[in-house]
Protein backbone atom coordinates (compact mmCIF):
# COMPACT_ATOMS: atom_id res chain seq x y z
CA MET A 1 -23.46 -1.94 6.47
CA TYR A 2 -20.05 -3.66 6.11
CA GLY A 3 -21.69 -6.87 4.95
CA ARG A 4 -23.73 -5.03 2.32
CA ILE A 5 -20.62 -3.28 0.97
CA VAL A 6 -18.77 -6.61 0.70
CA ALA A 7 -21.77 -8.18 -1.01
CA GLN A 8 -22.00 -5.30 -3.45
CA GLU A 9 -18.34 -5.51 -4.38
CA SER A 10 -18.53 -9.29 -4.68
CA ASP A 11 -21.54 -8.86 -6.98
CA LEU A 12 -19.70 -6.24 -9.02
CA LEU A 13 -16.71 -8.55 -9.38
CA GLU A 14 -18.89 -11.42 -10.59
CA ALA A 15 -20.75 -9.12 -12.97
CA TRP A 16 -17.43 -7.91 -14.37
CA ALA A 17 -16.31 -11.51 -14.85
CA SER A 18 -19.53 -12.13 -16.77
CA GLY A 19 -18.69 -9.35 -19.21
CA ASP A 20 -20.25 -6.29 -17.60
CA GLY A 21 -17.63 -3.62 -18.21
CA SER A 22 -19.54 -1.03 -16.19
CA ALA A 23 -19.19 -3.22 -13.09
CA GLY A 24 -15.43 -3.30 -13.57
CA GLN A 25 -15.37 0.47 -14.03
CA ALA A 26 -17.38 0.89 -10.82
CA LEU A 27 -14.82 -1.14 -8.88
CA LEU A 28 -11.94 0.78 -10.44
CA THR A 29 -13.53 4.13 -9.60
CA ARG A 30 -14.12 3.04 -6.03
CA HIS A 31 -10.53 1.93 -5.42
CA PHE A 32 -8.45 3.91 -7.90
CA ASP A 33 -7.26 6.66 -5.55
CA ARG A 34 -6.00 4.34 -2.81
CA LEU A 35 -4.23 2.09 -5.32
CA PHE A 36 -2.71 4.99 -7.23
CA ARG A 37 -1.28 6.55 -4.07
CA PHE A 38 0.04 3.18 -2.89
CA PHE A 39 1.90 2.59 -6.15
CA GLU A 40 3.10 6.15 -6.60
CA LEU A 41 4.84 5.89 -3.22
CA SER A 42 6.28 2.42 -3.78
CA ALA A 43 6.83 2.27 -7.56
CA PRO A 44 6.98 5.91 -8.69
CA GLY A 45 6.13 6.53 -12.32
CA HIS A 46 4.37 3.19 -12.80
CA ALA A 47 1.23 3.73 -10.74
CA GLU A 48 -1.35 3.75 -13.54
CA ASP A 49 -0.08 0.55 -15.12
CA LEU A 50 0.11 -1.22 -11.76
CA VAL A 51 -3.43 -0.14 -10.86
CA GLN A 52 -4.69 -1.79 -14.05
CA GLU A 53 -2.61 -4.91 -13.42
CA THR A 54 -3.95 -5.16 -9.88
CA MET A 55 -7.58 -4.89 -10.97
CA LEU A 56 -7.09 -7.54 -13.64
CA ALA A 57 -5.32 -9.81 -11.16
CA ALA A 58 -8.29 -9.39 -8.79
CA LEU A 59 -10.62 -10.40 -11.59
CA GLU A 60 -8.55 -13.43 -12.52
CA GLY A 61 -8.08 -14.46 -8.88
CA ARG A 62 -11.64 -13.72 -7.74
CA ALA A 63 -12.07 -17.30 -6.49
CA ARG A 64 -9.66 -16.39 -3.65
CA PHE A 65 -11.87 -13.48 -2.53
CA ARG A 66 -14.16 -14.90 0.12
CA GLY A 67 -15.27 -11.58 1.58
CA GLU A 68 -14.09 -12.04 5.16
CA SER A 69 -11.82 -8.99 5.14
CA GLY A 70 -13.35 -6.93 2.37
CA PHE A 71 -12.48 -6.38 -1.26
CA GLY A 72 -10.18 -3.46 -0.44
CA THR A 73 -8.03 -5.68 1.75
CA PHE A 74 -7.97 -8.31 -1.01
CA LEU A 75 -6.82 -5.65 -3.47
CA MET A 76 -4.06 -4.36 -1.20
CA GLY A 77 -2.63 -7.86 -0.84
CA ILE A 78 -2.46 -8.10 -4.63
CA ALA A 79 -1.01 -4.58 -4.88
CA ARG A 80 1.78 -5.43 -2.45
CA ASN A 81 2.74 -8.46 -4.52
CA LYS A 82 2.66 -6.35 -7.69
CA VAL A 83 5.16 -3.90 -6.19
CA LEU A 84 7.55 -6.67 -5.17
CA MET A 85 7.25 -8.28 -8.61
CA HIS A 86 7.79 -4.90 -10.27
CA TRP A 87 11.10 -4.37 -8.49
CA ARG A 88 12.16 -8.00 -8.72
CA THR A 89 12.03 -7.82 -12.51
CA ARG A 90 13.93 -4.50 -12.63
CA ALA A 91 16.53 -4.80 -9.92
CA ARG A 92 20.00 -5.77 -11.02
CA ARG A 93 20.66 -7.83 -7.93
CA PRO A 94 21.64 -11.45 -7.30
CA ASP A 95 18.68 -13.81 -7.01
CA ALA A 96 19.79 -14.56 -3.46
CA VAL A 97 18.92 -11.01 -2.39
CA GLU A 98 15.36 -10.70 -1.07
CA ILE A 99 13.89 -7.71 -2.88
CA GLY A 100 11.84 -6.70 0.16
CA SER A 101 15.03 -6.18 2.17
CA LEU A 102 16.16 -3.38 -0.16
CA SER A 103 14.97 0.21 0.05
CA LEU A 104 13.63 2.29 -2.82
CA GLU A 105 16.80 4.34 -2.53
CA ALA A 106 18.94 1.23 -2.99
CA LEU A 107 16.76 0.13 -5.90
CA GLY A 108 17.30 3.46 -7.65
CA ALA A 109 13.64 4.43 -7.73
CA SER A 110 12.71 7.79 -9.19
CA ALA A 111 11.15 10.42 -6.96
CA THR A 112 7.45 10.15 -6.25
CA SER A 113 5.06 12.70 -7.70
CA ILE A 114 3.22 12.82 -4.37
CA ILE A 115 3.29 16.46 -3.31
CA ALA A 116 4.79 17.34 0.09
CA HIS A 117 4.01 20.89 1.18
CA LYS A 118 5.85 20.88 4.50
CA ASP A 119 9.34 19.96 5.63
CA ALA A 120 7.96 17.24 7.91
CA GLU A 121 6.11 15.69 4.97
CA GLN A 122 9.29 15.71 2.90
CA ARG A 123 11.12 13.99 5.74
CA LEU A 124 8.43 11.32 5.87
CA LEU A 125 8.74 10.61 2.14
CA ARG A 126 12.54 10.49 2.38
CA ALA A 127 12.38 8.17 5.37
CA LEU A 128 10.08 5.75 3.56
CA ARG A 129 12.60 5.56 0.71
CA THR A 130 15.41 4.51 3.05
CA ILE A 131 13.75 1.65 4.97
CA PRO A 132 13.41 -1.86 3.50
CA LEU A 133 10.67 -2.05 0.87
CA ALA A 134 8.78 -4.77 2.77
CA ASP A 135 8.60 -2.45 5.78
CA GLN A 136 7.55 0.50 3.65
CA LEU A 137 4.70 -1.46 2.09
CA LEU A 138 3.51 -2.66 5.48
CA LEU A 139 3.52 0.88 6.85
CA GLN A 140 1.69 2.22 3.82
CA MET A 141 -1.00 -0.44 4.20
CA HIS A 142 -1.33 0.39 7.89
CA TYR A 143 -1.09 4.20 7.89
CA TRP A 144 -2.37 5.12 4.43
CA ASP A 145 -5.03 2.45 3.97
CA GLY A 146 -5.97 1.94 7.59
CA LEU A 147 -5.60 -1.84 7.58
CA THR A 148 -5.87 -3.37 11.04
CA GLY A 149 -3.87 -6.32 12.36
CA PRO A 150 -6.39 -8.93 11.15
CA GLN A 151 -6.72 -7.21 7.77
CA LEU A 152 -2.95 -7.03 7.31
CA ALA A 153 -2.72 -10.72 8.19
CA ALA A 154 -5.38 -11.51 5.57
CA ALA A 155 -3.69 -9.33 2.93
CA LEU A 156 -0.26 -10.89 3.54
CA ASP A 157 -1.63 -14.38 4.22
CA ARG A 158 0.43 -14.59 7.41
CA PRO A 159 -0.43 -15.21 11.07
CA GLU A 160 -1.62 -12.05 12.78
CA GLY A 161 1.03 -12.33 15.49
CA THR A 162 3.78 -12.46 12.87
CA VAL A 163 2.37 -9.44 11.04
CA ARG A 164 2.02 -7.40 14.22
CA SER A 165 5.64 -8.15 15.12
CA ARG A 166 6.78 -7.02 11.68
CA LEU A 167 4.67 -3.89 11.95
CA ARG A 168 6.24 -2.96 15.30
CA SER A 169 9.69 -3.43 13.81
CA ALA A 170 8.83 -1.31 10.76
CA LYS A 171 7.41 1.46 12.94
CA ALA A 172 10.58 1.45 15.04
CA LYS A 173 12.74 1.91 11.93
CA LEU A 174 10.60 4.76 10.65
CA ARG A 175 10.46 6.42 14.05
CA ALA A 176 14.25 6.30 14.40
CA LEU A 177 14.54 8.26 11.16
CA LEU A 178 11.79 10.74 11.99
CA ASP A 179 12.45 11.44 15.66
CA ASP A 180 14.20 14.72 14.94
CA ALA A 181 11.34 15.87 12.70
CA ARG A 182 8.78 15.89 15.54
CA PRO A 183 8.58 18.81 17.93
CA VAL A 184 7.58 16.52 20.84
CA ARG A 185 8.80 12.98 21.48
CA GLU A 186 5.50 11.29 22.28
CA GLY A 187 4.78 7.64 22.93
CA GLN A 188 3.90 5.23 20.14
CA SER A 189 0.25 6.30 20.01
CA GLY A 190 1.34 9.91 19.60
CA PHE A 191 3.80 8.91 16.90
CA ASP A 192 1.07 7.01 15.03
CA ALA A 193 -1.19 10.05 15.13
CA TRP A 194 1.66 12.30 13.99
CA VAL A 195 2.46 10.15 10.94
CA ALA A 196 -1.23 9.74 10.11
CA GLY A 197 -1.64 13.51 10.26
CA LEU A 198 1.26 14.02 7.88
CA ARG A 199 0.09 11.49 5.31
CA GLU A 200 -3.38 13.06 5.23
CA THR A 201 -1.88 16.32 3.97
CA LEU A 202 0.16 14.72 1.20
CA GLU A 203 -1.41 15.12 -2.22
CA ALA A 204 -1.40 12.59 -5.02
CA PRO A 205 -1.66 13.79 -8.61
CA GLU A 206 -5.01 13.01 -10.19
CA GLY A 207 -5.17 9.90 -12.30
CA PRO A 208 -7.54 9.18 -15.17
CA GLY A 209 -11.22 9.64 -14.34
C-alpha cells in the first residue's frame, strides 16, 4: 500500500511538471491541511502563501524526491525551510544570530488562528511560542505530522542519531514548560500521549477548497 501511494504521488508530481494542473491540484488537496496547520503554528498569518510556496518548491525540486520516505516527508522538509527563510527575512536581528535559536515570542510573531478550546491547549500553544523555533518545528513535525526518527532525518537531511538527540532535547524543553498543566506526571511515553491528545483537539481554520 505504502509503495503504491508513493508511486501515485510521484506520478502526480511528474504529471504536474508536464503541465497537468489537475495533478497539482490533487497533490495540494491531499496535503493542504497538514501544511496549513504547520504554517499557522509557526508563521501565523502567512500560512496560505507558504503552502503555495512549498508546493511550487516541491515541483521545482522534484529531482530530489526519490520516494524513500514519502512525498509528505519531502514536503515537510521543504516547509521547515520555508518557515526559517520566512523569519530570516523578517527578523531584525544580526546575521550572526541563528534564526532557529529564537522563539516566535522573541521574533514578535502574531497569535495563531488555531483554536484552543481548553486551558491545557492554550498552555501548549503558549509553550510552543517560547521555545526555540528549530525545536518548535521539530516537535510539530513529530507530534502533529507523525514523522518517525528516520523520516525526520530524511526531512532535515541529518543523521538519524543527531535528529533523535535534538528531538529529546526539544521534548525536554516543552515538558519543563508544561509540567504544571498535566494532572499526572507520567513518564515520557505518557507525556507524548498527552501532547498528542491535546494537538488532536486543536482546530485549524479552513483554508481555500
